[in-house]
Amino acid sequence: MSLSELKEVIEIAEKHDVWLLIDETYRDMFKDEVLPVAASLSDKVISVSSLSKTYGIPGIRIGWTVCRNKKINDLLLCAKEQYASEEVWLMSILAMLLCLKKLNG
């Protein structure tokens, strides 16, 4: 998808006052045109991504969301808090350390 196509899709979402959820897991793998994180282009966009597929670290469950809308960010944080437990936090820390080792060689 080109930047102009991305902006066109975002414009449609804004026009109809709907949220656009974009999975950007593979965004960094395309080198022809480096696109900005879609959420940086509009308050109506939620970008999601992860490390496991993009950087070839299968089984490591580290992901994130990006959104300029504070209310949506708060809702996403509440959802994460409902899911999280001490075991999940410990596994997240271990996964993060493994990813850093993989990324840094």
PDB file of N, CA and C in Angstrom:
ATOM      1  N   MET A   1       0.849  -1.171   0.000  1.00  0.00           N
ATOM      2  CA  MET A   1       0.000   0.000   0.000  1.00  0.00           C
ATOM      3  C   MET A   1       0.892   1.231   0.000  1.00  0.00           C
ATOM      4  N   SER A   2       0.576   2.162  -0.838  1.00  0.00           N
ATOM      5  CA  SER A   2       1.338   3.408  -0.906  1.00  0.00           C
ATOM      6  C   SER A   2       0.808   4.392   0.137  1.00  0.00           C
ATOM      7  N   LEU A   3       1.561   5.455   0.366  1.00  0.00           N
ATOM      8  CA  LEU A   3       1.132   6.476   1.325  1.00  0.00           C
ATOM      9  C   LEU A   3      -0.166   7.132   0.862  1.00  0.00           C
ATOM     10  N   SER A   4      -0.301   7.383  -0.425  1.00  0.00           N
ATOM     11  CA  SER A   4      -1.528   8.015  -0.920  1.00  0.00           C
ATOM     12  C   SER A   4      -2.732   7.089  -0.727  1.00  0.00           C
ATOM     13  N   GLU A   5      -2.551   5.780  -0.931  1.00  0.00           N
ATOM     14  CA  GLU A   5      -3.644   4.828  -0.699  1.00  0.00           C
ATOM     15  C   GLU A   5      -4.011   4.763   0.779  1.00  0.00           C
ATOM     16  N   LEU A   6      -2.997   4.766   1.633  1.00  0.00           N
ATOM     17  CA  LEU A   6      -3.244   4.750   3.075  1.00  0.00           C
ATOM     18  C   LEU A   6      -4.027   5.987   3.494  1.00  0.00           C
ATOM     19  N   LYS A   7      -3.623   7.146   3.000  1.00  0.00           N
ATOM     20  CA  LYS A   7      -4.327   8.385   3.342  1.00  0.00           C
ATOM     21  C   LYS A   7      -5.766   8.359   2.827  1.00  0.00           C
ATOM     22  N   GLU A   8      -5.980   7.746   1.668  1.00  0.00           N
ATOM     23  CA  GLU A   8      -7.329   7.645   1.114  1.00  0.00           C
ATOM     24  C   GLU A   8      -8.229   6.777   2.003  1.00  0.00           C
ATOM     25  N   VAL A   9      -7.703   5.662   2.482  1.00  0.00           N
ATOM     26  CA  VAL A   9      -8.467   4.783   3.369  1.00  0.00           C
ATOM     27  C   VAL A   9      -8.769   5.507   4.685  1.00  0.00           C
ATOM     28  N   ILE A  10      -7.795   6.220   5.201  1.00  0.00           N
ATOM     29  CA  ILE A  10      -7.998   6.983   6.443  1.00  0.00           C
ATOM     30  C   ILE A  10      -9.062   8.056   6.244  1.00  0.00           C
ATOM     31  N   GLU A  11      -9.035   8.703   5.108  1.00  0.00           N
ATOM     32  CA  GLU A  11     -10.033   9.737   4.806  1.00  0.00           C
ATOM     33  C   GLU A  11     -11.449   9.160   4.793  1.00  0.00           C
ATOM     34  N   ILE A  12     -11.598   7.956   4.260  1.00  0.00           N
ATOM     35  CA  ILE A  12     -12.911   7.290   4.246  1.00  0.00           C
ATOM     36  C   ILE A  12     -13.368   7.006   5.674  1.00  0.00           C
ATOM     37  N   ALA A  13     -12.454   6.512   6.510  1.00  0.00           N
ATOM     38  CA  ALA A  13     -12.798   6.234   7.913  1.00  0.00           C
ATOM     39  C   ALA A  13     -13.211   7.513   8.635  1.00  0.00           C
ATOM     40  N   GLU A  14     -12.477   8.582   8.407  1.00  0.00           N
ATOM     41  CA  GLU A  14     -12.812   9.858   9.053  1.00  0.00           C
ATOM     42  C   GLU A  14     -14.166  10.386   8.560  1.00  0.00           C
ATOM     43  N   LYS A  15     -14.398  10.279   7.261  1.00  0.00           N
ATOM     44  CA  LYS A  15     -15.652  10.769   6.675  1.00  0.00           C
ATOM     45  C   LYS A  15     -16.868  10.062   7.283  1.00  0.00           C
ATOM     46  N   HIS A  16     -16.729   8.768   7.546  1.00  0.00           N
ATOM     47  CA  HIS A  16     -17.842   7.980   8.084  1.00  0.00           C
ATOM     48  C   HIS A  16     -17.781   7.841   9.606  1.00  0.00           C
ATOM     49  N   ASP A  17     -16.825   8.532  10.224  1.00  0.00           N
ATOM     50  CA  ASP A  17     -16.652   8.543  11.678  1.00  0.00           C
ATOM     51  C   ASP A  17     -16.575   7.127  12.256  1.00  0.00           C
ATOM     52  N   VAL A  18     -15.706   6.306  11.644  1.00  0.00           N
ATOM     53  CA  VAL A  18     -15.459   4.948  12.130  1.00  0.00           C
ATOM     54  C   VAL A  18     -13.974   4.804  12.449  1.00  0.00           C
ATOM     55  N   TRP A  19     -13.680   3.810  13.272  1.00  0.00           N
ATOM     56  CA  TRP A  19     -12.299   3.526  13.631  1.00  0.00           C
ATOM     57  C   TRP A  19     -11.674   2.629  12.588  1.00  0.00           C
ATOM     58  N   LEU A  20     -10.423   2.885  12.286  1.00  0.00           N
ATOM     59  CA  LEU A  20      -9.668   2.069  11.352  1.00  0.00           C
ATOM     60  C   LEU A  20      -8.563   1.358  12.134  1.00  0.00           C
ATOM     61  N   LEU A  21      -8.633   0.040  12.171  1.00  0.00           N
ATOM     62  CA  LEU A  21      -7.633  -0.777  12.855  1.00  0.00           C
ATOM     63  C   LEU A  21      -6.703  -1.350  11.799  1.00  0.00           C
ATOM     64  N   ILE A  22      -5.430  -1.005  11.883  1.00  0.00           N
ATOM     65  CA  ILE A  22      -4.472  -1.426  10.868  1.00  0.00           C
ATOM     66  C   ILE A  22      -3.392  -2.291  11.510  1.00  0.00           C
ATOM     67  N   ASP A  23      -3.236  -3.502  10.998  1.00  0.00           N
ATOM     68  CA  ASP A  23      -2.188  -4.412  11.449  1.00  0.00           C
ATOM     69  C   ASP A  23      -0.922  -4.083  10.666  1.00  0.00           C
ATOM     70  N   GLU A  24       0.059  -3.549  11.360  1.00  0.00           N
ATOM     71  CA  GLU A  24       1.298  -3.118  10.709  1.00  0.00           C
ATOM     72  C   GLU A  24       2.480  -4.040  11.031  1.00  0.00           C
ATOM     73  N   THR A  25       2.176  -5.289  11.296  1.00  0.00           N
ATOM     74  CA  THR A  25       3.209  -6.245  11.668  1.00  0.00           C
ATOM     75  C   THR A  25       4.323  -6.319  10.623  1.00  0.00           C
ATOM     76  N   TYR A  26       3.971  -6.264   9.362  1.00  0.00           N
ATOM     77  CA  TYR A  26       4.978  -6.415   8.301  1.00  0.00           C
ATOM     78  C   TYR A  26       5.383  -5.083   7.672  1.00  0.00           C
ATOM     79  N   ARG A  27       4.994  -3.966   8.265  1.00  0.00           N
ATOM     80  CA  ARG A  27       5.270  -2.639   7.692  1.00  0.00           C
ATOM     81  C   ARG A  27       6.747  -2.400   7.423  1.00  0.00           C
ATOM     82  N   ASP A  28       7.620  -2.805   8.332  1.00  0.00           N
ATOM     83  CA  ASP A  28       9.051  -2.533   8.184  1.00  0.00           C
ATOM     84  C   ASP A  28       9.742  -3.452   7.181  1.00  0.00           C
ATOM     85  N   MET A  29       9.040  -4.451   6.687  1.00  0.00           N
ATOM     86  CA  MET A  29       9.653  -5.396   5.759  1.00  0.00           C
ATOM     87  C   MET A  29       9.631  -4.895   4.313  1.00  0.00           C
ATOM     88  N   PHE A  30       8.838  -3.890   4.026  1.00  0.00           N
ATOM     89  CA  PHE A  30       8.747  -3.361   2.674  1.00  0.00           C
ATOM     90  C   PHE A  30       9.615  -2.118   2.567  1.00  0.00           C
ATOM     91  N   LYS A  31      10.611  -2.176   1.719  1.00  0.00           N
ATOM     92  CA  LYS A  31      11.593  -1.096   1.652  1.00  0.00           C
ATOM     93  C   LYS A  31      11.355  -0.127   0.491  1.00  0.00           C
ATOM     94  N   ASP A  32      10.382  -0.427  -0.391  1.00  0.00           N
ATOM     95  CA  ASP A  32      10.145   0.458  -1.524  1.00  0.00           C
ATOM     96  C   ASP A  32       9.727   1.852  -1.074  1.00  0.00           C
ATOM     97  N   GLU A  33       8.786   1.897  -0.164  1.00  0.00           N
ATOM     98  CA  GLU A  33       8.300   3.163   0.368  1.00  0.00           C
ATOM     99  C   GLU A  33       8.090   2.987   1.867  1.00  0.00           C
ATOM    100  N   VAL A  34       8.873   3.695   2.650  1.00  0.00           N
ATOM    101  CA  VAL A  34       8.744   3.596   4.104  1.00  0.00           C
ATOM    102  C   VAL A  34       7.552   4.448   4.528  1.00  0.00           C
ATOM    103  N   LEU A  35       6.538   3.765   5.034  1.00  0.00           N
ATOM    104  CA  LEU A  35       5.323   4.455   5.453  1.00  0.00           C
ATOM    105  C   LEU A  35       5.399   4.839   6.922  1.00  0.00           C
ATOM    106  N   PRO A  36       4.783   5.946   7.284  1.00  0.00           N
ATOM    107  CA  PRO A  36       4.702   6.288   8.704  1.00  0.00           C
ATOM    108  C   PRO A  36       3.752   5.321   9.405  1.00  0.00           C
ATOM    109  N   VAL A  37       3.845   5.236  10.712  1.00  0.00           N
ATOM    110  CA  VAL A  37       2.861   4.468  11.479  1.00  0.00           C
ATOM    111  C   VAL A  37       1.510   5.103  11.193  1.00  0.00           C
ATOM    112  N   ALA A  38       0.555   4.293  10.764  1.00  0.00           N
ATOM    113  CA  ALA A  38      -0.745   4.819  10.323  1.00  0.00           C
ATOM    114  C   ALA A  38      -1.430   5.652  11.392  1.00  0.00           C
ATOM    115  N   ALA A  39      -1.285   5.258  12.649  1.00  0.00           N
ATOM    116  CA  ALA A  39      -1.938   5.996  13.741  1.00  0.00           C
ATOM    117  C   ALA A  39      -1.406   7.424  13.871  1.00  0.00           C
ATOM    118  N   SER A  40      -0.236   7.688  13.329  1.00  0.00           N
ATOM    119  CA  SER A  40       0.312   9.042  13.399  1.00  0.00           C
ATOM    120  C   SER A  40      -0.393   9.989  12.423  1.00  0.00           C
ATOM    121  N   LEU A  41      -1.212   9.432  11.526  1.00  0.00           N
ATOM    122  CA  LEU A  41      -1.859  10.239  10.499  1.00  0.00           C
ATOM    123  C   LEU A  41      -3.273  10.685  10.836  1.00  0.00           C
ATOM    124  N   SER A  42      -3.873  10.082  11.884  1.00  0.00           N
ATOM    125  CA  SER A  42      -5.255  10.422  12.217  1.00  0.00           C
ATOM    126  C   SER A  42      -5.613   9.959  13.628  1.00  0.00           C
ATOM    127  N   ASP A  43      -6.534  10.691  14.242  1.00  0.00           N
ATOM    128  CA  ASP A  43      -7.061  10.295  15.550  1.00  0.00           C
ATOM    129  C   ASP A  43      -8.032   9.125  15.439  1.00  0.00           C
ATOM    130  N   LYS A  44      -8.417   8.748  14.231  1.00  0.00           N
ATOM    131  CA  LYS A  44      -9.377   7.658  14.019  1.00  0.00           C
ATOM    132  C   LYS A  44      -8.701   6.341  13.656  1.00  0.00           C
ATOM    133  N   VAL A  45      -7.380   6.264  13.814  1.00  0.00           N
ATOM    134  CA  VAL A  45      -6.634   5.064  13.435  1.00  0.00           C
ATOM    135  C   VAL A  45      -5.988   4.436  14.658  1.00  0.00           C
ATOM    136  N   ILE A  46      -6.094   3.109  14.742  1.00  0.00           N
ATOM    137  CA  ILE A  46      -5.395   2.322  15.754  1.00  0.00           C
ATOM    138  C   ILE A  46      -4.439   1.403  14.992  1.00  0.00           C
ATOM    139  N   SER A  47      -3.161   1.520  15.279  1.00  0.00           N
ATOM    140  CA  SER A  47      -2.158   0.651  14.662  1.00  0.00           C
ATOM    141  C   SER A  47      -1.774  -0.439  15.651  1.00  0.00           C
ATOM    142  N   VAL A  48      -1.629  -1.664  15.155  1.00  0.00           N
ATOM    143  CA  VAL A  48      -1.149  -2.768  15.980  1.00  0.00           C
ATOM    144  C   VAL A  48       0.039  -3.407  15.283  1.00  0.00           C
ATOM    145  N   SER A  49       0.954  -3.919  16.075  1.00  0.00           N
ATOM    146  CA  SER A  49       2.126  -4.577  15.514  1.00  0.00           C
ATOM    147  C   SER A  49       2.714  -5.524  16.551  1.00  0.00           C
ATOM    148  N   SER A  50       3.698  -6.309  16.113  1.00  0.00           N
ATOM    149  CA  SER A  50       4.364  -7.241  17.020  1.00  0.00           C
ATOM    150  C   SER A  50       5.769  -7.519  16.533  1.00  0.00           C
ATOM    151  N   LEU A  51       6.561  -8.093  17.398  1.00  0.00           N
ATOM    152  CA  LEU A  51       7.945  -8.435  17.041  1.00  0.00           C
ATOM    153  C   LEU A  51       8.078  -9.829  16.448  1.00  0.00           C
ATOM    154  N   SER A  52       7.236 -10.760  16.864  1.00  0.00           N
ATOM    155  CA  SER A  52       7.469 -12.172  16.553  1.00  0.00           C
ATOM    156  C   SER A  52       7.573 -12.458  15.058  1.00  0.00           C
ATOM    157  N   LYS A  53       6.688 -11.926  14.257  1.00  0.00           N
ATOM    158  CA  LYS A  53       6.719 -12.223  12.825  1.00  0.00           C
ATOM    159  C   LYS A  53       7.710 -11.338  12.081  1.00  0.00           C
ATOM    160  N   THR A  54       7.725 -10.071  12.392  1.00  0.00           N
ATOM    161  CA  THR A  54       8.589  -9.137  11.673  1.00  0.00           C
ATOM    162  C   THR A  54      10.062  -9.480  11.831  1.00  0.00           C
ATOM    163  N   TYR A  55      10.468  -9.886  13.023  1.00  0.00           N
ATOM    164  CA  TYR A  55      11.879 -10.123  13.278  1.00  0.00           C
ATOM    165  C   TYR A  55      12.231 -11.601  13.424  1.00  0.00           C
ATOM    166  N   GLY A  56      11.317 -12.472  13.031  1.00  0.00           N
ATOM    167  CA  GLY A  56      11.603 -13.905  13.039  1.00  0.00           C
ATOM    168  C   GLY A  56      11.860 -14.464  14.424  1.00  0.00           C
ATOM    169  N   ILE A  57      11.025 -14.097  15.366  1.00  0.00           N
ATOM    170  CA  ILE A  57      11.148 -14.577  16.736  1.00  0.00           C
ATOM    171  C   ILE A  57       9.843 -15.289  17.097  1.00  0.00           C
ATOM    172  N   PRO A  58       9.568 -16.448  16.478  1.00  0.00           N
ATOM    173  CA  PRO A  58       8.290 -17.117  16.730  1.00  0.00           C
ATOM    174  C   PRO A  58       8.129 -17.524  18.191  1.00  0.00           C
ATOM    175  N   GLY A  59       6.924 -17.424  18.665  1.00  0.00           N
ATOM    176  CA  GLY A  59       6.632 -17.801  20.041  1.00  0.00           C
ATOM    177  C   GLY A  59       6.762 -16.660  21.029  1.00  0.00           C
ATOM    178  N   ILE A  60       7.452 -15.613  20.655  1.00  0.00           N
ATOM    179  CA  ILE A  60       7.594 -14.458  21.538  1.00  0.00           C
ATOM    180  C   ILE A  60       6.394 -13.556  21.312  1.00  0.00           C
ATOM    181  N   ARG A  61       5.636 -13.342  22.331  1.00  0.00           N
ATOM    182  CA  ARG A  61       4.385 -12.602  22.214  1.00  0.00           C
ATOM    183  C   ARG A  61       4.538 -11.172  22.728  1.00  0.00           C
ATOM    184  N   ILE A  62       5.253 -10.364  21.969  1.00  0.00           N
ATOM    185  CA  ILE A  62       5.386  -8.953  22.314  1.00  0.00           C
ATOM    186  C   ILE A  62       4.731  -8.152  21.203  1.00  0.00           C
ATOM    187  N   GLY A  63       3.744  -7.374  21.569  1.00  0.00           N
ATOM    188  CA  GLY A  63       3.045  -6.558  20.600  1.00  0.00           C
ATOM    189  C   GLY A  63       2.651  -5.244  21.225  1.00  0.00           C
ATOM    190  N   TRP A  64       2.116  -4.358  20.410  1.00  0.00           N
ATOM    191  CA  TRP A  64       1.740  -3.051  20.914  1.00  0.00           C
ATOM    192  C   TRP A  64       0.644  -2.449  20.051  1.00  0.00           C
ATOM    193  N   THR A  65       0.021  -1.442  20.611  1.00  0.00           N
ATOM    194  CA  THR A  65      -0.958  -0.641  19.891  1.00  0.00           C
ATOM    195  C   THR A  65      -0.507   0.809  19.944  1.00  0.00           C
ATOM    196  N   VAL A  66      -0.885   1.560  18.922  1.00  0.00           N
ATOM    197  CA  VAL A  66      -0.586   2.981  18.863  1.00  0.00           C
ATOM    198  C   VAL A  66      -1.864   3.689  18.438  1.00  0.00           C
ATOM    199  N   CYS A  67      -2.211   4.737  19.175  1.00  0.00           N
ATOM    200  CA  CYS A  67      -3.401   5.517  18.838  1.00  0.00           C
ATOM    201  C   CYS A  67      -3.235   6.912  19.428  1.00  0.00           C
ATOM    202  N   ARG A  68      -3.595   7.927  18.672  1.00  0.00           N
ATOM    203  CA  ARG A  68      -3.484   9.308  19.161  1.00  0.00           C
ATOM    204  C   ARG A  68      -4.651   9.698  20.062  1.00  0.00           C
ATOM    205  N   ASN A  69      -5.711   8.910  20.062  1.00  0.00           N
ATOM    206  CA  ASN A  69      -6.902   9.223  20.847  1.00  0.00           C
ATOM    207  C   ASN A  69      -6.731   8.710  22.278  1.00  0.00           C
ATOM    208  N   LYS A  70      -6.697   9.627  23.245  1.00  0.00           N
ATOM    209  CA  LYS A  70      -6.455   9.245  24.642  1.00  0.00           C
ATOM    210  C   LYS A  70      -7.519   8.301  25.184  1.00  0.00           C
ATOM    211  N   LYS A  71      -8.768   8.525  24.832  1.00  0.00           N
ATOM    212  CA  LYS A  71      -9.850   7.672  25.333  1.00  0.00           C
ATOM    213  C   LYS A  71      -9.654   6.221  24.859  1.00  0.00           C
ATOM    214  N   ILE A  72      -9.308   6.040  23.605  1.00  0.00           N
ATOM    215  CA  ILE A  72      -9.071   4.694  23.068  1.00  0.00           C
ATOM    216  C   ILE A  72      -7.836   4.079  23.726  1.00  0.00           C
ATOM    217  N   ASN A  73      -6.785   4.869  23.901  1.00  0.00           N
ATOM    218  CA  ASN A  73      -5.596   4.352  24.587  1.00  0.00           C
ATOM    219  C   ASN A  73      -5.936   3.881  25.999  1.00  0.00           C
ATOM    220  N   ASP A  74      -6.749   4.656  26.701  1.00  0.00           N
ATOM    221  CA  ASP A  74      -7.164   4.262  28.053  1.00  0.00           C
ATOM    222  C   ASP A  74      -7.960   2.954  28.029  1.00  0.00           C
ATOM    223  N   LEU A  75      -8.859   2.815  27.040  1.00  0.00           N
ATOM    224  CA  LEU A  75      -9.638   1.572  26.920  1.00  0.00           C
ATOM    225  C   LEU A  75      -8.729   0.371  26.629  1.00  0.00           C
ATOM    226  N   LEU A  76      -7.755   0.576  25.760  1.00  0.00           N
ATOM    227  CA  LEU A  76      -6.818  -0.508  25.447  1.00  0.00           C
ATOM    228  C   LEU A  76      -5.994  -0.888  26.677  1.00  0.00           C
ATOM    229  N   LEU A  77      -5.600   0.108  27.452  1.00  0.00           N
ATOM    230  CA  LEU A  77      -4.851  -0.158  28.676  1.00  0.00           C
ATOM    231  C   LEU A  77      -5.716  -0.920  29.678  1.00  0.00           C
ATOM    232  N   CYS A  78      -6.980  -0.537  29.800  1.00  0.00           N
ATOM    233  CA  CYS A  78      -7.894  -1.261  30.701  1.00  0.00           C
ATOM    234  C   CYS A  78      -8.047  -2.713  30.264  1.00  0.00           C
ATOM    235  N   ALA A  79      -8.158  -2.945  28.964  1.00  0.00           N
ATOM    236  CA  ALA A  79      -8.287  -4.315  28.451  1.00  0.00           C
ATOM    237  C   ALA A  79      -7.036  -5.118  28.769  1.00  0.00           C
ATOM    238  N   LYS A  80      -5.878  -4.494  28.618  1.00  0.00           N
ATOM    239  CA  LYS A  80      -4.618  -5.180  28.925  1.00  0.00           C
ATOM    240  C   LYS A  80      -4.548  -5.519  30.409  1.00  0.00           C
ATOM    241  N   GLU A  81      -4.975  -4.586  31.257  1.00  0.00           N
ATOM    242  CA  GLU A  81      -4.942  -4.813  32.700  1.00  0.00           C
ATOM    243  C   GLU A  81      -5.873  -5.954  33.101  1.00  0.00           C
ATOM    244  N   GLN A  82      -6.995  -6.093  32.409  1.00  0.00           N
ATOM    245  CA  GLN A  82      -7.921  -7.184  32.705  1.00  0.00           C
ATOM    246  C   GLN A  82      -7.304  -8.534  32.365  1.00  0.00           C
ATOM    247  N   TYR A  83      -6.444  -8.553  31.371  1.00  0.00           N
ATOM    248  CA  TYR A  83      -5.839  -9.794  30.895  1.00  0.00           C
ATOM    249  C   TYR A  83      -4.565 -10.152  31.662  1.00  0.00           C
ATOM    250  N   ALA A  84      -3.836  -9.124  32.063  1.00  0.00           N
ATOM    251  CA  ALA A  84      -2.497  -9.328  32.630  1.00  0.00           C
ATOM    252  C   ALA A  84      -2.540  -9.979  34.015  1.00  0.00           C
ATOM    253  N   SER A  85      -1.519 -10.749  34.288  1.00  0.00           N
ATOM    254  CA  SER A  85      -1.312 -11.336  35.605  1.00  0.00           C
ATOM    255  C   SER A  85       0.184 -11.291  35.886  1.00  0.00           C
ATOM    256  N   GLU A  86       0.577 -11.669  37.073  1.00  0.00           N
ATOM    257  CA  GLU A  86       2.005 -11.674  37.395  1.00  0.00           C
ATOM    258  C   GLU A  86       2.784 -12.583  36.455  1.00  0.00           C
ATOM    259  N   GLU A  87       2.207 -13.737  36.111  1.00  0.00           N
ATOM    260  CA  GLU A  87       2.896 -14.663  35.221  1.00  0.00           C
ATOM    261  C   GLU A  87       3.092 -14.042  33.837  1.00  0.00           C
ATOM    262  N   VAL A  88       2.061 -13.327  33.359  1.00  0.00           N
ATOM    263  CA  VAL A  88       2.166 -12.678  32.047  1.00  0.00           C
ATOM    264  C   VAL A  88       3.251 -11.612  32.074  1.00  0.00           C
ATOM    265  N   TRP A  89       3.304 -10.822  33.163  1.00  0.00           N
ATOM    266  CA  TRP A  89       4.330  -9.784  33.256  1.00  0.00           C
ATOM    267  C   TRP A  89       5.723 -10.398  33.272  1.00  0.00           C
ATOM    268  N   LEU A  90       5.914 -11.480  34.012  1.00  0.00           N
ATOM    269  CA  LEU A  90       7.215 -12.133  34.058  1.00  0.00           C
ATOM    270  C   LEU A  90       7.589 -12.653  32.674  1.00  0.00           C
ATOM    271  N   MET A  91       6.651 -13.298  31.994  1.00  0.00           N
ATOM    272  CA  MET A  91       6.926 -13.814  30.661  1.00  0.00           C
ATOM    273  C   MET A  91       7.207 -12.670  29.690  1.00  0.00           C
ATOM    274  N   SER A  92       6.529 -11.531  29.859  1.00  0.00           N
ATOM    275  CA  SER A  92       6.769 -10.381  28.993  1.00  0.00           C
ATOM    276  C   SER A  92       8.180  -9.848  29.167  1.00  0.00           C
ATOM    277  N   ILE A  93       8.653  -9.811  30.410  1.00  0.00           N
ATOM    278  CA  ILE A  93      10.015  -9.339  30.669  1.00  0.00           C
ATOM    279  C   ILE A  93      11.029 -10.302  30.055  1.00  0.00           C
ATOM    280  N   LEU A  94      10.819 -11.604  30.242  1.00  0.00           N
ATOM    281  CA  LEU A  94      11.727 -12.585  29.651  1.00  0.00           C
ATOM    282  C   LEU A  94      11.701 -12.509  28.132  1.00  0.00           C
ATOM    283  N   ALA A  95      10.520 -12.366  27.553  1.00  0.00           N
ATOM    284  CA  ALA A  95      10.396 -12.264  26.096  1.00  0.00           C
ATOM    285  C   ALA A  95      11.102 -11.019  25.582  1.00  0.00           C
ATOM    286  N   MET A  96      10.956  -9.917  26.307  1.00  0.00           N
ATOM    287  CA  MET A  96      11.613  -8.680  25.905  1.00  0.00           C
ATOM    288  C   MET A  96      13.129  -8.841  25.899  1.00  0.00           C
ATOM    289  N   LEU A  97      13.663  -9.487  26.914  1.00  0.00           N
ATOM    290  CA  LEU A  97      15.108  -9.710  26.972  1.00  0.00           C
ATOM    291  C   LEU A  97      15.583 -10.593  25.826  1.00  0.00           C
ATOM    292  N   LEU A  98      14.821 -11.632  25.505  1.00  0.00           N
ATOM    293  CA  LEU A  98      15.173 -12.492  24.367  1.00  0.00           C
ATOM    294  C   LEU A  98      15.136 -11.734  23.052  1.00  0.00           C
ATOM    295  N   CYS A  99      14.153 -10.862  22.896  1.00  0.00           N
ATOM    296  CA  CYS A  99      14.054 -10.065  21.679  1.00  0.00           C
ATOM    297  C   CYS A  99      15.223  -9.106  21.552  1.00  0.00           C
ATOM    298  N   LEU A 100      15.573  -8.454  22.637  1.00  0.00           N
ATOM    299  CA  LEU A 100      16.712  -7.532  22.602  1.00  0.00           C
ATOM    300  C   LEU A 100      17.985  -8.270  22.215  1.00  0.00           C
ATOM    301  N   LYS A 101      18.172  -9.463  22.746  1.00  0.00           N
ATOM    302  CA  LYS A 101      19.351 -10.268  22.392  1.00  0.00           C
ATOM    303  C   LYS A 101      19.325 -10.608  20.906  1.00  0.00           C
ATOM    304  N   LYS A 102      18.161 -11.004  20.376  1.00  0.00           N
ATOM    305  CA  LYS A 102      18.017 -11.353  18.967  1.00  0.00           C
ATOM    306  C   LYS A 102      18.276 -10.152  18.073  1.00  0.00           C
ATOM    307  N   LEU A 103      17.721  -9.015  18.429  1.00  0.00           N
ATOM    308  CA  LEU A 103      17.866  -7.810  17.609  1.00  0.00           C
ATOM    309  C   LEU A 103      19.275  -7.252  17.625  1.00  0.00           C
ATOM    310  N   ASN A 104      19.959  -7.387  18.756  1.00  0.00           N
ATOM    311  CA  ASN A 104      21.315  -6.845  18.888  1.00  0.00           C
ATOM    312  C   ASN A 104      22.395  -7.821  18.465  1.00  0.00           C
ATOM    313  N   GLY A 105      21.981  -9.008  18.043  1.00  0.00           N
ATOM    314  CA  GLY A 105      22.965  -9.994  17.556  1.00  0.00           C
ATOM    315  C   GLY A 105      23.483 -10.797  18.654  1.00  0.00           C
TER     316      GLY A 105
END
